[in-house]
Amino acid sequence: KSGKSVEIGNKIFDLQRLELYHENHLIKLTNLEASLLNLFALNPEKIICRESVLENLDLNQGGKDLNQRNVDVQITRLRKKIETDPTNPRHLKTVRGRGYRFLP
């Protein structure tokens, strides 16, 4: 299964299907959350700035023009799904003034 999925604590992210599982139960992700998680999963431990997130994702889906603040909102939503304690994230960390770092 190597290369096809990423373990995030007690959850598994399927890189081909862009699906998140916890104990074999599917956790519903929006397309944006799945794309965001995929971006981080493919770049573990790298600091990714908000600008890169905006560039790498099609954040203009449905005509919604997303800006850097919206990236923070999406990160917050994603943390609620992947973190045991979203207020004290272990996997998706904010790097002050730089962006975000994903630690599987």
C-alpha atoms as a PDB file:
ATOM      1  CA  LYS A   1       0.000   0.000   0.000  1.00  0.00           C
ATOM      2  CA  SER A   2       3.050   2.258   0.133  1.00  0.00           C
ATOM      3  CA  GLY A   3       2.847   5.408  -1.916  1.00  0.00           C
ATOM      4  CA  LYS A   4      -0.892   5.033  -2.311  1.00  0.00           C
ATOM      5  CA  SER A   5      -1.912   6.317   1.103  1.00  0.00           C
ATOM      6  CA  VAL A   6      -0.657   8.485   3.935  1.00  0.00           C
ATOM      7  CA  GLU A   7      -1.219   7.791   7.609  1.00  0.00           C
ATOM      8  CA  ILE A   8      -2.323  10.842   9.564  1.00  0.00           C
ATOM      9  CA  GLY A   9      -2.399   9.718  13.176  1.00  0.00           C
ATOM     10  CA  ASN A  10      -5.203   7.152  13.356  1.00  0.00           C
ATOM     11  CA  LYS A  11      -6.573   8.118   9.936  1.00  0.00           C
ATOM     12  CA  ILE A  12      -5.610   7.033   6.416  1.00  0.00           C
ATOM     13  CA  PHE A  13      -5.702   9.310   3.378  1.00  0.00           C
ATOM     14  CA  ASP A  14      -6.023   7.470   0.064  1.00  0.00           C
ATOM     15  CA  LEU A  15      -3.946   9.448  -2.449  1.00  0.00           C
ATOM     16  CA  GLN A  16      -5.603   7.889  -5.490  1.00  0.00           C
ATOM     17  CA  ARG A  17      -9.206   8.255  -4.437  1.00  0.00           C
ATOM     18  CA  LEU A  18      -8.592  11.406  -2.351  1.00  0.00           C
ATOM     19  CA  GLU A  19     -10.580   9.857   0.476  1.00  0.00           C
ATOM     20  CA  LEU A  20      -9.979  10.004   4.218  1.00  0.00           C
ATOM     21  CA  TYR A  21     -10.734   7.024   6.433  1.00  0.00           C
ATOM     22  CA  HIS A  22     -10.871   6.497  10.168  1.00  0.00           C
ATOM     23  CA  GLU A  23     -11.112   2.832  11.198  1.00  0.00           C
ATOM     24  CA  ASN A  24     -12.439   1.949   7.715  1.00  0.00           C
ATOM     25  CA  HIS A  25     -15.147   4.621   7.911  1.00  0.00           C
ATOM     26  CA  LEU A  26     -15.106   7.270   5.206  1.00  0.00           C
ATOM     27  CA  ILE A  27     -14.776  10.834   6.488  1.00  0.00           C
ATOM     28  CA  LYS A  28     -16.613  13.191   4.141  1.00  0.00           C
ATOM     29  CA  LEU A  29     -14.281  15.751   2.563  1.00  0.00           C
ATOM     30  CA  THR A  30     -15.307  18.524   0.208  1.00  0.00           C
ATOM     31  CA  ASN A  31     -13.437  18.592  -3.121  1.00  0.00           C
ATOM     32  CA  LEU A  32     -11.476  21.564  -1.829  1.00  0.00           C
ATOM     33  CA  GLU A  33     -10.541  19.799   1.427  1.00  0.00           C
ATOM     34  CA  ALA A  34      -9.487  16.689  -0.489  1.00  0.00           C
ATOM     35  CA  SER A  35      -7.327  18.769  -2.852  1.00  0.00           C
ATOM     36  CA  LEU A  36      -5.819  20.648   0.071  1.00  0.00           C
ATOM     37  CA  LEU A  37      -5.037  17.463   1.999  1.00  0.00           C
ATOM     38  CA  ASN A  38      -3.563  15.932  -1.154  1.00  0.00           C
ATOM     39  CA  LEU A  39      -1.291  18.950  -1.637  1.00  0.00           C
ATOM     40  CA  PHE A  40       0.009  18.619   1.929  1.00  0.00           C
ATOM     41  CA  ALA A  41       0.242  14.816   1.800  1.00  0.00           C
ATOM     42  CA  LEU A  42       2.436  15.020  -1.314  1.00  0.00           C
ATOM     43  CA  ASN A  43       4.703  17.586   0.394  1.00  0.00           C
ATOM     44  CA  PRO A  44       5.226  16.278   3.922  1.00  0.00           C
ATOM     45  CA  GLU A  45       7.258  18.472   6.273  1.00  0.00           C
ATOM     46  CA  LYS A  46       7.655  21.223   3.671  1.00  0.00           C
ATOM     47  CA  ILE A  47       6.418  24.674   4.583  1.00  0.00           C
ATOM     48  CA  ILE A  48       3.776  25.684   2.070  1.00  0.00           C
ATOM     49  CA  CYS A  49       2.852  29.360   2.011  1.00  0.00           C
ATOM     50  CA  ARG A  50      -0.702  30.553   1.441  1.00  0.00           C
ATOM     51  CA  GLU A  51       0.243  31.853  -2.016  1.00  0.00           C
ATOM     52  CA  SER A  52       1.389  28.354  -3.009  1.00  0.00           C
ATOM     53  CA  VAL A  53      -1.831  26.860  -1.695  1.00  0.00           C
ATOM     54  CA  LEU A  54      -3.799  29.326  -3.831  1.00  0.00           C
ATOM     55  CA  GLU A  55      -1.636  28.586  -6.882  1.00  0.00           C
ATOM     56  CA  ASN A  56      -1.679  24.800  -6.487  1.00  0.00           C
ATOM     57  CA  LEU A  57      -5.372  24.434  -5.898  1.00  0.00           C
ATOM     58  CA  ASP A  58      -8.141  25.534  -8.124  1.00  0.00           C
ATOM     59  CA  LEU A  59      -9.491  27.801  -5.453  1.00  0.00           C
ATOM     60  CA  ASN A  60     -11.734  29.614  -7.851  1.00  0.00           C
ATOM     61  CA  GLN A  61     -14.127  26.680  -7.977  1.00  0.00           C
ATOM     62  CA  GLY A  62     -17.695  27.709  -8.610  1.00  0.00           C
ATOM     63  CA  GLY A  63     -16.683  31.300  -9.265  1.00  0.00           C
ATOM     64  CA  LYS A  64     -15.719  31.816  -5.633  1.00  0.00           C
ATOM     65  CA  ASP A  65     -12.629  33.936  -5.653  1.00  0.00           C
ATOM     66  CA  LEU A  66     -10.599  32.676  -2.728  1.00  0.00           C
ATOM     67  CA  ASN A  67      -7.960  34.758  -1.053  1.00  0.00           C
ATOM     68  CA  GLN A  68      -5.379  34.037   1.621  1.00  0.00           C
ATOM     69  CA  ARG A  69      -7.897  34.459   4.430  1.00  0.00           C
ATOM     70  CA  ASN A  70     -10.084  31.785   2.829  1.00  0.00           C
ATOM     71  CA  VAL A  71      -7.074  29.456   2.859  1.00  0.00           C
ATOM     72  CA  ASP A  72      -7.027  29.797   6.669  1.00  0.00           C
ATOM     73  CA  VAL A  73     -10.734  28.957   6.805  1.00  0.00           C
ATOM     74  CA  GLN A  74     -10.193  25.841   4.663  1.00  0.00           C
ATOM     75  CA  ILE A  75      -7.237  24.796   6.849  1.00  0.00           C
ATOM     76  CA  THR A  76      -9.431  25.168   9.946  1.00  0.00           C
ATOM     77  CA  ARG A  77     -12.146  23.002   8.382  1.00  0.00           C
ATOM     78  CA  LEU A  78      -9.623  20.392   7.339  1.00  0.00           C
ATOM     79  CA  ARG A  79      -8.086  20.310  10.823  1.00  0.00           C
ATOM     80  CA  LYS A  80     -11.499  19.486  12.289  1.00  0.00           C
ATOM     81  CA  LYS A  81     -11.474  16.337  10.163  1.00  0.00           C
ATOM     82  CA  ILE A  82      -7.862  15.167  10.520  1.00  0.00           C
ATOM     83  CA  GLU A  83      -6.849  16.335  14.011  1.00  0.00           C
ATOM     84  CA  THR A  84      -7.738  14.711  17.318  1.00  0.00           C
ATOM     85  CA  ASP A  85      -7.601  18.199  18.848  1.00  0.00           C
ATOM     86  CA  PRO A  86      -8.020  20.832  16.090  1.00  0.00           C
ATOM     87  CA  THR A  87      -7.151  23.663  18.511  1.00  0.00           C
ATOM     88  CA  ASN A  88      -3.756  22.056  19.134  1.00  0.00           C
ATOM     89  CA  PRO A  89      -2.879  20.509  15.750  1.00  0.00           C
ATOM     90  CA  ARG A  90      -0.224  17.805  15.493  1.00  0.00           C
ATOM     91  CA  HIS A  91      -0.402  17.152  11.761  1.00  0.00           C
ATOM     92  CA  LEU A  92      -1.260  20.434  10.073  1.00  0.00           C
ATOM     93  CA  LYS A  93       0.789  23.115  11.765  1.00  0.00           C
ATOM     94  CA  THR A  94       0.848  26.834  11.198  1.00  0.00           C
ATOM     95  CA  VAL A  95       4.338  28.237  10.713  1.00  0.00           C
ATOM     96  CA  ARG A  96       4.028  31.877  11.768  1.00  0.00           C
ATOM     97  CA  GLY A  97       4.557  34.302   8.929  1.00  0.00           C
ATOM     98  CA  ARG A  98       5.443  31.495   6.512  1.00  0.00           C
ATOM     99  CA  GLY A  99       2.492  29.206   5.916  1.00  0.00           C
ATOM    100  CA  TYR A 100       1.655  25.636   6.883  1.00  0.00           C
ATOM    101  CA  ARG A 101       3.552  22.426   7.432  1.00  0.00           C
ATOM    102  CA  PHE A 102       2.059  18.938   7.223  1.00  0.00           C
ATOM    103  CA  LEU A 103       3.466  16.306   9.569  1.00  0.00           C
ATOM    104  CA  PRO A 104       1.895  12.902   8.890  1.00  0.00           C
END
